[in-house]
């Protein structure tokens, strides 16, 4: 495939994370990005990748109605992602952090320890176009 002029080529593990995540395949998203994180866990993107992995993991727990582990992973993901600028690696992190806070709020207000997680309210993450 030929990349458009000025487009940066994304690591397939990074782009694969978003593909899986947006299809509700949160465990798979975690697994795909872990390959990239293992190569850079002590590098400049280590906490960034770890935060995204934790975000996917939180949604794995939500799919299984494990609210406390989901909340714990949301908090860890937020702590890792907030270390980076509001837009980083073509991802609007400000929006991602807002998404995390929204889900944490939903977990706090969940009645009887249950939250309904459906494809209709499933999260989506979008990468910004290159060069923006």
Protein backbone atom coordinates (compact mmCIF):
# COMPACT_ATOMS: atom_id res chain seq x y z
CA UNK A 1 0.00 0.00 0.00
CA UNK A 2 1.31 3.45 -0.90
CA UNK A 3 1.14 6.03 1.86
CA UNK A 4 -0.28 9.46 0.94
CA UNK A 5 2.28 12.23 0.62
CA UNK A 6 3.25 13.50 4.06
CA UNK A 7 1.63 10.57 5.87
CA UNK A 8 3.65 8.90 8.55
CA UNK A 9 3.52 5.14 8.65
CA UNK A 10 2.05 3.87 11.90
CA UNK A 11 3.40 0.83 13.64
CA UNK A 12 0.95 -1.99 12.86
CA UNK A 13 0.66 -2.80 16.57
CA UNK A 14 -0.38 0.78 17.30
CA UNK A 15 -2.95 0.98 14.49
CA UNK A 16 -4.09 -2.56 15.28
CA UNK A 17 -4.87 -1.50 18.83
CA UNK A 18 -7.37 1.08 17.58
CA UNK A 19 -8.89 -1.32 15.09
CA UNK A 20 -9.50 -3.94 17.80
CA UNK A 21 -10.58 -1.38 20.41
CA UNK A 22 -13.18 0.18 18.13
CA UNK A 23 -14.65 -3.23 17.33
CA UNK A 24 -15.08 -3.96 21.04
CA UNK A 25 -12.23 -6.48 21.01
CA UNK A 26 -10.64 -5.01 24.11
CA UNK A 27 -8.64 -8.08 25.13
CA UNK A 28 -7.21 -8.32 21.64
CA UNK A 29 -6.43 -4.58 21.63
CA UNK A 30 -4.49 -5.10 24.86
CA UNK A 31 -2.59 -8.04 23.39
CA UNK A 32 -1.71 -6.25 20.13
CA UNK A 33 -0.34 -3.15 21.83
CA UNK A 34 1.55 -5.15 24.43
CA UNK A 35 3.96 -6.20 21.68
CA UNK A 36 4.88 -2.54 21.12
CA UNK A 37 4.93 -1.68 24.82
CA UNK A 38 7.37 -4.50 25.60
CA UNK A 39 9.87 -2.93 23.18
CA UNK A 40 9.48 0.56 24.71
CA UNK A 41 8.29 0.08 28.29
CA UNK A 42 11.26 2.06 29.63
CA UNK A 43 11.35 4.46 26.69
CA UNK A 44 9.55 7.74 26.08
CA UNK A 45 6.27 6.05 25.08
CA UNK A 46 6.29 3.37 27.77
CA UNK A 47 3.71 4.97 30.06
CA UNK A 48 1.62 6.03 27.05
CA UNK A 49 1.33 2.48 25.72
CA UNK A 50 0.80 1.15 29.23
CA UNK A 51 -2.07 3.60 29.75
CA UNK A 52 -3.73 2.51 26.52
CA UNK A 53 -3.31 -1.14 27.50
CA UNK A 54 -4.85 -0.40 30.90
CA UNK A 55 -7.73 1.40 29.19
CA UNK A 56 -8.49 -1.66 27.07
CA UNK A 57 -8.14 -3.85 30.16
CA UNK A 58 -10.68 -1.74 32.02
CA UNK A 59 -13.20 -2.41 29.27
CA UNK A 60 -12.41 -6.14 29.38
CA UNK A 61 -13.44 -6.03 33.05
CA UNK A 62 -16.58 -4.04 32.21
CA UNK A 63 -17.57 -6.66 29.64
CA UNK A 64 -17.36 -9.21 32.46
CA UNK A 65 -19.18 -6.90 34.89
CA UNK A 66 -16.14 -6.63 37.18
CA UNK A 67 -16.63 -3.04 38.29
CA UNK A 68 -13.90 -2.67 40.90
CA UNK A 69 -11.07 -3.99 38.71
CA UNK A 70 -12.38 -1.84 35.84
CA UNK A 71 -12.32 1.27 38.02
CA UNK A 72 -8.80 0.47 39.23
CA UNK A 73 -7.54 0.13 35.65
CA UNK A 74 -9.31 3.34 34.57
CA UNK A 75 -7.50 5.19 37.36
CA UNK A 76 -4.13 3.70 36.40
CA UNK A 77 -4.72 4.46 32.71
CA UNK A 78 -5.60 8.06 33.53
CA UNK A 79 -2.46 8.48 35.65
CA UNK A 80 -0.27 7.17 32.81
CA UNK A 81 -1.94 9.09 29.99
CA UNK A 82 -2.01 12.41 31.86
CA UNK A 83 1.80 12.43 31.72
CA UNK A 84 1.60 13.31 28.02
CA UNK A 85 0.45 16.42 26.11
CA UNK A 86 -3.26 16.75 25.23
CA UNK A 87 -2.50 15.55 21.70
CA UNK A 88 0.12 12.84 21.41
CA UNK A 89 0.98 10.23 18.77
CA UNK A 90 -2.00 11.42 16.69
CA UNK A 91 -4.38 10.73 19.58
CA UNK A 92 -6.49 13.37 21.31
CA UNK A 93 -5.51 12.43 24.85
CA UNK A 94 -7.68 15.16 26.35
CA UNK A 95 -10.71 13.38 24.85
CA UNK A 96 -9.43 9.98 26.01
CA UNK A 97 -8.98 11.27 29.57
CA UNK A 98 -12.48 12.74 29.43
CA UNK A 99 -13.80 9.35 28.27
CA UNK A 100 -12.08 7.66 31.22
CA UNK A 101 -13.53 10.17 33.68
CA UNK A 102 -17.00 9.66 32.17
CA UNK A 103 -16.79 5.91 32.66
CA UNK A 104 -15.42 6.33 36.19
CA UNK A 105 -18.44 8.53 36.94
CA UNK A 106 -20.74 5.87 35.53
CA UNK A 107 -19.12 3.26 37.74
CA UNK A 108 -19.49 5.46 40.82
CA UNK A 109 -23.18 5.97 40.17
CA UNK A 110 -23.92 2.36 39.17
CA UNK A 111 -26.82 0.99 41.19
CA UNK A 112 -26.62 -2.44 42.79
CA UNK A 113 -23.05 -2.90 41.62
CA UNK A 114 -23.99 -3.37 37.98
CA UNK A 115 -23.44 -1.29 34.86
CA UNK A 116 -24.90 -1.98 31.47
CA UNK A 117 -22.18 -2.16 28.86
CA UNK A 118 -23.50 -2.49 25.33
CA UNK A 119 -22.28 -2.00 21.80
CA UNK A 120 -24.41 1.16 21.78
CA UNK A 121 -22.39 2.86 24.51
CA UNK A 122 -19.07 1.24 23.65
CA UNK A 123 -16.14 3.64 23.46
CA UNK A 124 -14.39 4.55 20.24
CA UNK A 125 -10.95 6.06 19.77
CA UNK A 126 -9.93 7.97 16.65
CA UNK A 127 -6.47 8.90 15.48
CA UNK A 128 -6.01 12.38 14.08
CA UNK A 129 -4.93 12.66 10.43
CA UNK A 130 -1.15 12.96 9.94
CA UNK A 131 0.37 16.41 9.90
CA UNK A 132 -2.39 18.02 11.87
